[in-house]
């Protein structure tokens, strides 16, 4: 029996494109033999040395869900982190619930104690967050973003940023996108494939 391919996925829960990529990965898992492993990274940390934050996050709001995610991973493990990400992402990116109490509700949805929401305003898990973030950056460099995907192969680890998608394909379409992305990433000389988001409608993306 074929052993599942180990796929590490680093995410910042606030990023909408990362959310779509994560849902595509889960769809790909339904048609390919893959096992996702969830890790947290941070747009705040990616941008901390820049003179101007491209996210415009002057109040460090983006750090709050990342800190909670780091706390979930530290206290309950990566499987619980995956559940929390699905619960929070569903509320933030699908229902647009940007309101007080959304973190507590997402924790409850994931079967986790609501008290972990206090991590949003604490530096308790910042060291663990930075370590997880740096593990992702070490694989792809600092001039990319979230998500970072790493695939463990016999010949070594293949890692890449993205792919960014405007919608999450499902079924065999998700599997084909996985096959193509991995084939490109495995070529040693490959580093980028990109087009402007403004052209998505022209090319029939939905």
C-alpha atoms as a PDB file:
ATOM      1  CA  UNK A   1       0.000   0.000   0.000  1.00  0.00           C
ATOM      2  CA  UNK A   2       1.339   3.442  -0.970  1.00  0.00           C
ATOM      3  CA  UNK A   3       2.340   5.553   1.989  1.00  0.00           C
ATOM      4  CA  UNK A   4       0.677   9.004   2.077  1.00  0.00           C
ATOM      5  CA  UNK A   5       2.854  11.896   0.951  1.00  0.00           C
ATOM      6  CA  UNK A   6       3.706  14.144   3.899  1.00  0.00           C
ATOM      7  CA  UNK A   7       2.726  17.747   3.109  1.00  0.00           C
ATOM      8  CA  UNK A   8       3.649  20.570   5.499  1.00  0.00           C
ATOM      9  CA  UNK A   9       1.503  23.689   5.145  1.00  0.00           C
ATOM     10  CA  UNK A  10       2.410  26.995   6.814  1.00  0.00           C
ATOM     11  CA  UNK A  11      -0.290  29.652   6.957  1.00  0.00           C
ATOM     12  CA  UNK A  12      -1.269  33.005   8.361  1.00  0.00           C
ATOM     13  CA  UNK A  13      -4.987  32.624   9.180  1.00  0.00           C
ATOM     14  CA  UNK A  14      -5.790  36.196   8.139  1.00  0.00           C
ATOM     15  CA  UNK A  15      -4.727  35.787   4.497  1.00  0.00           C
ATOM     16  CA  UNK A  16      -7.672  35.112   2.139  1.00  0.00           C
ATOM     17  CA  UNK A  17      -5.502  33.666  -0.644  1.00  0.00           C
ATOM     18  CA  UNK A  18      -3.863  31.302   1.827  1.00  0.00           C
ATOM     19  CA  UNK A  19      -7.326  30.175   2.911  1.00  0.00           C
ATOM     20  CA  UNK A  20      -8.247  29.261  -0.673  1.00  0.00           C
ATOM     21  CA  UNK A  21      -4.963  27.412  -1.140  1.00  0.00           C
ATOM     22  CA  UNK A  22      -5.556  25.446   2.051  1.00  0.00           C
ATOM     23  CA  UNK A  23      -9.026  24.397   0.889  1.00  0.00           C
ATOM     24  CA  UNK A  24      -7.564  23.319  -2.457  1.00  0.00           C
ATOM     25  CA  UNK A  25      -5.006  21.199  -0.589  1.00  0.00           C
ATOM     26  CA  UNK A  26      -7.783  19.477   1.359  1.00  0.00           C
ATOM     27  CA  UNK A  27      -9.648  18.787  -1.875  1.00  0.00           C
ATOM     28  CA  UNK A  28      -6.441  17.397  -3.388  1.00  0.00           C
ATOM     29  CA  UNK A  29      -6.130  15.078  -0.377  1.00  0.00           C
ATOM     30  CA  UNK A  30      -9.440  13.495  -1.428  1.00  0.00           C
ATOM     31  CA  UNK A  31      -8.072  12.415  -4.820  1.00  0.00           C
ATOM     32  CA  UNK A  32      -4.358  12.035  -4.108  1.00  0.00           C
ATOM     33  CA  UNK A  33      -2.612  10.133  -1.312  1.00  0.00           C
ATOM     34  CA  UNK A  34      -1.572  13.138   0.777  1.00  0.00           C
ATOM     35  CA  UNK A  35      -1.488  13.878   4.496  1.00  0.00           C
ATOM     36  CA  UNK A  36      -1.478  17.585   5.465  1.00  0.00           C
ATOM     37  CA  UNK A  37       0.457  18.805   8.499  1.00  0.00           C
ATOM     38  CA  UNK A  38      -0.430  22.307   9.698  1.00  0.00           C
ATOM     39  CA  UNK A  39       1.976  25.015  10.877  1.00  0.00           C
ATOM     40  CA  UNK A  40       1.680  28.710  11.547  1.00  0.00           C
ATOM     41  CA  UNK A  41       3.602  31.607  10.012  1.00  0.00           C
ATOM     42  CA  UNK A  42       3.008  35.338  10.205  1.00  0.00           C
ATOM     43  CA  UNK A  43       2.590  38.253   7.820  1.00  0.00           C
ATOM     44  CA  UNK A  44       3.537  40.497  10.729  1.00  0.00           C
ATOM     45  CA  UNK A  45       6.902  38.758  11.061  1.00  0.00           C
ATOM     46  CA  UNK A  46       7.412  38.746   7.298  1.00  0.00           C
ATOM     47  CA  UNK A  47       7.018  42.521   7.236  1.00  0.00           C
ATOM     48  CA  UNK A  48       8.664  43.460  10.529  1.00  0.00           C
ATOM     49  CA  UNK A  49      11.891  44.788   8.981  1.00  0.00           C
ATOM     50  CA  UNK A  50      10.205  46.834   6.249  1.00  0.00           C
ATOM     51  CA  UNK A  51       9.945  50.587   6.543  1.00  0.00           C
ATOM     52  CA  UNK A  52       6.297  50.423   5.471  1.00  0.00           C
ATOM     53  CA  UNK A  53       3.971  47.508   6.202  1.00  0.00           C
ATOM     54  CA  UNK A  54       2.348  46.444   2.897  1.00  0.00           C
ATOM     55  CA  UNK A  55      -0.582  45.039   4.871  1.00  0.00           C
ATOM     56  CA  UNK A  56      -1.263  48.436   6.479  1.00  0.00           C
ATOM     57  CA  UNK A  57      -1.581  46.727   9.860  1.00  0.00           C
ATOM     58  CA  UNK A  58      -0.575  49.598  12.126  1.00  0.00           C
ATOM     59  CA  UNK A  59      -2.411  48.133  15.145  1.00  0.00           C
ATOM     60  CA  UNK A  60      -0.907  44.611  14.883  1.00  0.00           C
ATOM     61  CA  UNK A  61      -4.373  43.124  14.451  1.00  0.00           C
ATOM     62  CA  UNK A  62      -2.951  40.410  12.180  1.00  0.00           C
ATOM     63  CA  UNK A  63      -0.780  39.201  15.037  1.00  0.00           C
ATOM     64  CA  UNK A  64      -3.783  38.246  17.169  1.00  0.00           C
ATOM     65  CA  UNK A  65      -5.139  35.211  15.269  1.00  0.00           C
ATOM     66  CA  UNK A  66      -1.566  34.073  14.586  1.00  0.00           C
ATOM     67  CA  UNK A  67      -0.752  34.118  18.307  1.00  0.00           C
ATOM     68  CA  UNK A  68      -3.858  32.075  19.086  1.00  0.00           C
ATOM     69  CA  UNK A  69      -2.922  29.622  16.357  1.00  0.00           C
ATOM     70  CA  UNK A  70       0.553  29.271  17.817  1.00  0.00           C
ATOM     71  CA  UNK A  71      -1.014  28.611  21.215  1.00  0.00           C
ATOM     72  CA  UNK A  72      -3.286  25.922  19.780  1.00  0.00           C
ATOM     73  CA  UNK A  73      -0.327  24.224  18.094  1.00  0.00           C
ATOM     74  CA  UNK A  74       1.828  24.422  21.224  1.00  0.00           C
ATOM     75  CA  UNK A  75      -0.830  23.123  23.608  1.00  0.00           C
ATOM     76  CA  UNK A  76      -2.829  20.702  21.456  1.00  0.00           C
ATOM     77  CA  UNK A  77      -0.762  19.867  18.360  1.00  0.00           C
ATOM     78  CA  UNK A  78      -0.982  20.310  14.611  1.00  0.00           C
ATOM     79  CA  UNK A  79      -4.189  18.308  14.125  1.00  0.00           C
ATOM     80  CA  UNK A  80      -5.992  20.678  16.510  1.00  0.00           C
ATOM     81  CA  UNK A  81      -4.381  23.602  14.687  1.00  0.00           C
ATOM     82  CA  UNK A  82      -5.900  22.339  11.443  1.00  0.00           C
ATOM     83  CA  UNK A  83      -9.339  22.170  13.063  1.00  0.00           C
ATOM     84  CA  UNK A  84      -8.991  25.676  14.462  1.00  0.00           C
ATOM     85  CA  UNK A  85      -7.836  27.033  11.111  1.00  0.00           C
ATOM     86  CA  UNK A  86     -10.880  25.549   9.386  1.00  0.00           C
ATOM     87  CA  UNK A  87     -13.202  26.928  12.057  1.00  0.00           C
ATOM     88  CA  UNK A  88     -11.674  30.414  12.080  1.00  0.00           C
ATOM     89  CA  UNK A  89     -11.204  30.606   8.321  1.00  0.00           C
ATOM     90  CA  UNK A  90     -14.808  29.622   7.700  1.00  0.00           C
ATOM     91  CA  UNK A  91     -15.934  32.485   9.908  1.00  0.00           C
ATOM     92  CA  UNK A  92     -13.457  35.100   8.633  1.00  0.00           C
ATOM     93  CA  UNK A  93     -13.203  34.325   4.922  1.00  0.00           C
ATOM     94  CA  UNK A  94     -16.548  32.757   4.092  1.00  0.00           C
ATOM     95  CA  UNK A  95     -18.966  34.440   6.510  1.00  0.00           C
ATOM     96  CA  UNK A  96     -16.931  37.642   7.028  1.00  0.00           C
ATOM     97  CA  UNK A  97     -17.484  37.610  10.784  1.00  0.00           C
ATOM     98  CA  UNK A  98     -15.090  40.384  11.771  1.00  0.00           C
ATOM     99  CA  UNK A  99     -16.430  40.954  15.255  1.00  0.00           C
ATOM    100  CA  UNK A 100     -15.666  40.589  18.926  1.00  0.00           C
ATOM    101  CA  UNK A 101     -15.890  37.018  20.129  1.00  0.00           C
ATOM    102  CA  UNK A 102     -15.074  35.409  16.784  1.00  0.00           C
ATOM    103  CA  UNK A 103     -11.897  33.826  18.156  1.00  0.00           C
ATOM    104  CA  UNK A 104     -13.735  32.259  21.086  1.00  0.00           C
ATOM    105  CA  UNK A 105     -16.462  30.961  18.772  1.00  0.00           C
ATOM    106  CA  UNK A 106     -13.926  29.425  16.391  1.00  0.00           C
ATOM    107  CA  UNK A 107     -12.130  27.746  19.282  1.00  0.00           C
ATOM    108  CA  UNK A 108     -15.430  26.272  20.453  1.00  0.00           C
ATOM    109  CA  UNK A 109     -16.176  25.073  16.902  1.00  0.00           C
ATOM    110  CA  UNK A 110     -12.809  23.292  16.921  1.00  0.00           C
ATOM    111  CA  UNK A 111     -13.438  21.643  20.286  1.00  0.00           C
ATOM    112  CA  UNK A 112     -10.829  23.788  22.038  1.00  0.00           C
ATOM    113  CA  UNK A 113     -11.059  25.906  25.213  1.00  0.00           C
ATOM    114  CA  UNK A 114     -12.128  29.484  24.650  1.00  0.00           C
ATOM    115  CA  UNK A 115      -9.516  30.636  27.154  1.00  0.00           C
ATOM    116  CA  UNK A 116      -6.907  30.264  24.394  1.00  0.00           C
ATOM    117  CA  UNK A 117      -8.309  33.455  22.864  1.00  0.00           C
ATOM    118  CA  UNK A 118      -6.378  35.357  25.551  1.00  0.00           C
ATOM    119  CA  UNK A 119      -3.201  34.458  23.652  1.00  0.00           C
ATOM    120  CA  UNK A 120      -4.158  37.161  21.134  1.00  0.00           C
ATOM    121  CA  UNK A 121      -2.966  39.840  23.556  1.00  0.00           C
ATOM    122  CA  UNK A 122      -0.038  37.898  25.038  1.00  0.00           C
ATOM    123  CA  UNK A 123       3.532  37.151  23.992  1.00  0.00           C
ATOM    124  CA  UNK A 124       3.404  33.736  25.687  1.00  0.00           C
ATOM    125  CA  UNK A 125       3.638  31.808  22.415  1.00  0.00           C
ATOM    126  CA  UNK A 126       5.682  34.301  20.435  1.00  0.00           C
ATOM    127  CA  UNK A 127       8.877  32.231  20.617  1.00  0.00           C
ATOM    128  CA  UNK A 128       7.071  29.168  19.272  1.00  0.00           C
ATOM    129  CA  UNK A 129       5.426  31.314  16.594  1.00  0.00           C
ATOM    130  CA  UNK A 130       8.746  32.745  15.461  1.00  0.00           C
ATOM    131  CA  UNK A 131      10.366  29.300  15.389  1.00  0.00           C
ATOM    132  CA  UNK A 132       7.563  27.927  13.207  1.00  0.00           C
ATOM    133  CA  UNK A 133       7.684  30.998  10.963  1.00  0.00           C
ATOM    134  CA  UNK A 134      11.454  30.780  10.547  1.00  0.00           C
ATOM    135  CA  UNK A 135      11.186  27.106   9.598  1.00  0.00           C
ATOM    136  CA  UNK A 136       8.996  28.118   6.653  1.00  0.00           C
ATOM    137  CA  UNK A 137      11.204  31.046   5.637  1.00  0.00           C
ATOM    138  CA  UNK A 138      14.285  28.833   5.724  1.00  0.00           C
ATOM    139  CA  UNK A 139      12.720  26.677   3.011  1.00  0.00           C
ATOM    140  CA  UNK A 140      11.682  29.378   0.528  1.00  0.00           C
ATOM    141  CA  UNK A 141      13.381  32.659   1.486  1.00  0.00           C
ATOM    142  CA  UNK A 142      12.120  35.944   2.891  1.00  0.00           C
ATOM    143  CA  UNK A 143      10.968  37.583  -0.329  1.00  0.00           C
ATOM    144  CA  UNK A 144       7.812  35.491  -0.654  1.00  0.00           C
ATOM    145  CA  UNK A 145       4.770  35.204   1.607  1.00  0.00           C
ATOM    146  CA  UNK A 146       2.070  32.873   2.897  1.00  0.00           C
ATOM    147  CA  UNK A 147       1.334  30.033   2.370  1.00  0.00           C
ATOM    148  CA  UNK A 148       4.461  27.897   2.244  1.00  0.00           C
ATOM    149  CA  UNK A 149       4.127  24.259   1.233  1.00  0.00           C
ATOM    150  CA  UNK A 150       6.810  21.611   1.745  1.00  0.00           C
ATOM    151  CA  UNK A 151       6.595  18.055   0.408  1.00  0.00           C
ATOM    152  CA  UNK A 152       8.806  15.315   1.789  1.00  0.00           C
ATOM    153  CA  UNK A 153      10.256  13.188  -1.018  1.00  0.00           C
ATOM    154  CA  UNK A 154      12.819  10.394  -0.999  1.00  0.00           C
ATOM    155  CA  UNK A 155      15.364  12.698  -2.595  1.00  0.00           C
ATOM    156  CA  UNK A 156      14.682  15.471  -0.075  1.00  0.00           C
ATOM    157  CA  UNK A 157      12.174  18.190   0.724  1.00  0.00           C
ATOM    158  CA  UNK A 158      10.547  20.203  -2.078  1.00  0.00           C
ATOM    159  CA  UNK A 159       9.189  23.567  -0.882  1.00  0.00           C
ATOM    160  CA  UNK A 160       7.419  26.470  -2.552  1.00  0.00           C
ATOM    161  CA  UNK A 161       5.284  29.545  -1.892  1.00  0.00           C
ATOM    162  CA  UNK A 162       1.655  29.308  -2.952  1.00  0.00           C
ATOM    163  CA  UNK A 163       0.135  28.595  -5.320  1.00  0.00           C
ATOM    164  CA  UNK A 164      -2.254  31.546  -5.066  1.00  0.00           C
ATOM    165  CA  UNK A 165      -5.670  30.729  -6.514  1.00  0.00           C
ATOM    166  CA  UNK A 166      -8.853  32.775  -6.912  1.00  0.00           C
ATOM    167  CA  UNK A 167     -11.010  29.761  -6.079  1.00  0.00           C
ATOM    168  CA  UNK A 168     -10.340  26.325  -4.615  1.00  0.00           C
ATOM    169  CA  UNK A 169     -10.669  23.574  -7.242  1.00  0.00           C
ATOM    170  CA  UNK A 170     -12.161  20.278  -6.135  1.00  0.00           C
ATOM    171  CA  UNK A 171     -12.263  16.722  -7.413  1.00  0.00           C
ATOM    172  CA  UNK A 172      -9.827  15.710 -10.109  1.00  0.00           C
ATOM    173  CA  UNK A 173      -9.170  19.382 -10.955  1.00  0.00           C
ATOM    174  CA  UNK A 174      -7.625  19.740  -7.499  1.00  0.00           C
ATOM    175  CA  UNK A 175      -5.527  16.643  -8.125  1.00  0.00           C
ATOM    176  CA  UNK A 176      -4.280  17.890 -11.488  1.00  0.00           C
ATOM    177  CA  UNK A 177      -3.299  21.241 -10.003  1.00  0.00           C
ATOM    178  CA  UNK A 178      -1.407  19.389  -7.276  1.00  0.00           C
ATOM    179  CA  UNK A 179       0.400  17.214  -9.824  1.00  0.00           C
ATOM    180  CA  UNK A 180       1.416  20.208 -11.920  1.00  0.00           C
ATOM    181  CA  UNK A 181       2.511  22.344  -8.985  1.00  0.00           C
ATOM    182  CA  UNK A 182       4.662  19.567  -7.572  1.00  0.00           C
ATOM    183  CA  UNK A 183       6.179  18.785 -10.971  1.00  0.00           C
ATOM    184  CA  UNK A 184       7.260  22.418 -11.381  1.00  0.00           C
ATOM    185  CA  UNK A 185       8.563  22.701  -7.821  1.00  0.00           C
ATOM    186  CA  UNK A 186      10.664  19.565  -8.198  1.00  0.00           C
ATOM    187  CA  UNK A 187      12.626  21.040 -11.102  1.00  0.00           C
ATOM    188  CA  UNK A 188      15.806  22.496  -9.495  1.00  0.00           C
ATOM    189  CA  UNK A 189      15.841  25.605 -11.702  1.00  0.00           C
ATOM    190  CA  UNK A 190      12.226  26.614 -11.166  1.00  0.00           C
ATOM    191  CA  UNK A 191      11.480  29.682  -9.040  1.00  0.00           C
ATOM    192  CA  UNK A 192       8.326  31.480 -10.249  1.00  0.00           C
ATOM    193  CA  UNK A 193       5.156  31.208 -12.326  1.00  0.00           C
ATOM    194  CA  UNK A 194       2.872  34.205 -12.098  1.00  0.00           C
ATOM    195  CA  UNK A 195       0.256  36.422 -13.742  1.00  0.00           C
ATOM    196  CA  UNK A 196      -1.689  39.503 -12.658  1.00  0.00           C
ATOM    197  CA  UNK A 197      -4.892  38.884 -10.652  1.00  0.00           C
ATOM    198  CA  UNK A 198      -6.565  41.383 -12.996  1.00  0.00           C
ATOM    199  CA  UNK A 199      -6.322  38.837 -15.819  1.00  0.00           C
ATOM    200  CA  UNK A 200      -8.166  36.066 -13.977  1.00  0.00           C
ATOM    201  CA  UNK A 201     -11.598  36.902 -15.413  1.00  0.00           C
ATOM    202  CA  UNK A 202     -10.117  37.163 -18.911  1.00  0.00           C
ATOM    203  CA  UNK A 203      -8.833  33.612 -18.661  1.00  0.00           C
ATOM    204  CA  UNK A 204     -12.078  32.216 -17.289  1.00  0.00           C
ATOM    205  CA  UNK A 205     -11.197  31.822 -13.605  1.00  0.00           C
ATOM    206  CA  UNK A 206     -14.082  31.839 -11.176  1.00  0.00           C
END
